[in-house]
Amino acid sequence: MNPRIVPLVLLLLLVAVQAQLWTGRGSVVHVQEMKEKIAAQKQANDRARQENERLASEVSDLRDGLDMVEEKARSELGMVKPNEVYVHVTPR
């Protein structure tokens, strides 16, 4: 066998591995993009978790206390107690 073939084959394999590293799936650029997507998804998950905790707290308050129910009825539905007068002031 020709002694030049072995180094040539090894060189071709090295070039193929380098090409995969820089351009293919699992490349440096691809891995960086995936890391950025993971970071963005973690931030979205944290925001959703905080919103879920806030909503769970509100549900708990609505189940436990009538004060929250009264506040919601007054602010969102415009309800008043008997013998109360509702006055709505609009800005000019």
Protein backbone atom coordinates (compact mmCIF):
# COMPACT_ATOMS: atom_id res chain seq x y z
CA MET A 1 0.00 0.00 0.00
CA ASN A 2 1.19 3.48 -0.80
CA PRO A 3 2.51 5.29 2.33
CA ARG A 4 0.83 8.53 1.22
CA ILE A 5 -2.68 7.09 1.35
CA VAL A 6 -2.94 6.72 5.15
CA PRO A 7 -2.12 10.39 5.93
CA LEU A 8 -4.42 11.47 3.09
CA VAL A 9 -7.32 9.39 4.47
CA LEU A 10 -6.69 10.75 7.96
CA LEU A 11 -6.60 14.30 6.61
CA LEU A 12 -9.91 13.76 4.77
CA LEU A 13 -11.49 12.39 7.96
CA LEU A 14 -10.24 15.41 9.88
CA VAL A 15 -11.71 17.77 7.28
CA ALA A 16 -15.04 15.90 7.41
CA VAL A 17 -15.18 16.13 11.21
CA GLN A 18 -14.32 19.84 11.12
CA ALA A 19 -16.99 20.48 8.48
CA GLN A 20 -19.59 18.76 10.67
CA LEU A 21 -18.44 20.76 13.68
CA TRP A 22 -18.82 24.14 11.95
CA THR A 23 -21.79 23.61 9.64
CA GLY A 24 -23.84 20.55 10.54
CA ARG A 25 -26.29 19.61 13.23
CA GLY A 26 -24.63 20.01 16.60
CA SER A 27 -22.38 22.72 15.23
CA VAL A 28 -21.16 25.59 17.36
CA VAL A 29 -23.73 27.95 15.82
CA HIS A 30 -26.58 25.45 16.23
CA VAL A 31 -25.72 24.83 19.87
CA GLN A 32 -25.62 28.59 20.58
CA GLU A 33 -29.05 29.06 18.95
CA MET A 34 -30.47 26.24 21.06
CA LYS A 35 -29.02 27.78 24.25
CA GLU A 36 -30.69 31.10 23.38
CA LYS A 37 -34.02 29.37 22.73
CA ILE A 38 -33.75 27.51 26.04
CA ALA A 39 -33.04 30.77 27.91
CA ALA A 40 -36.03 32.48 26.27
CA GLN A 41 -38.28 29.52 27.11
CA LYS A 42 -37.11 29.54 30.74
CA GLN A 43 -38.01 33.24 30.99
CA ALA A 44 -41.45 32.55 29.50
CA ASN A 45 -41.93 29.67 31.95
CA ASP A 46 -40.98 31.91 34.89
CA ARG A 47 -43.47 34.58 33.78
CA ALA A 48 -46.20 31.95 33.39
CA ARG A 49 -45.36 30.47 36.80
CA GLN A 50 -45.64 33.89 38.46
CA GLU A 51 -48.97 34.53 36.75
CA ASN A 52 -50.23 31.11 37.86
CA GLU A 53 -49.20 31.84 41.44
CA ARG A 54 -50.97 35.21 41.33
CA LEU A 55 -54.13 33.62 39.94
CA ALA A 56 -54.01 30.80 42.49
CA SER A 57 -53.70 33.37 45.26
CA GLU A 58 -56.65 35.30 43.88
CA VAL A 59 -58.74 32.12 43.66
CA SER A 60 -57.83 31.30 47.24
CA ASP A 61 -58.84 34.78 48.35
CA LEU A 62 -62.13 34.51 46.47
CA ARG A 63 -62.90 31.18 48.10
CA ASP A 64 -61.95 32.28 51.60
CA GLY A 65 -63.05 35.85 51.94
CA LEU A 66 -66.10 37.85 51.05
CA ASP A 67 -64.11 41.08 51.08
CA MET A 68 -62.53 40.23 47.76
CA VAL A 69 -65.91 39.28 46.32
CA GLU A 70 -67.36 42.59 47.45
CA GLU A 71 -64.41 44.51 46.01
CA LYS A 72 -64.73 42.72 42.66
CA ALA A 73 -68.49 43.33 42.56
CA ARG A 74 -68.02 47.03 43.28
CA SER A 75 -65.13 47.70 40.91
CA GLU A 76 -65.95 45.45 37.97
CA LEU A 77 -69.72 45.21 38.10
CA GLY A 78 -70.56 48.60 39.60
CA MET A 79 -72.69 47.07 42.35
CA VAL A 80 -73.63 49.07 45.45
CA LYS A 81 -75.01 48.21 48.86
CA PRO A 82 -78.59 49.08 49.79
CA ASN A 83 -79.06 52.78 50.65
CA GLU A 84 -75.77 53.72 48.95
CA VAL A 85 -75.49 56.26 46.17
CA TYR A 86 -73.05 55.60 43.36
CA VAL A 87 -71.35 58.71 42.01
CA HIS A 88 -69.19 58.47 38.91
CA VAL A 89 -66.91 61.43 38.24
CA THR A 90 -65.50 61.74 34.73
CA PRO A 91 -62.45 63.86 33.91
CA ARG A 92 -62.96 66.85 31.64
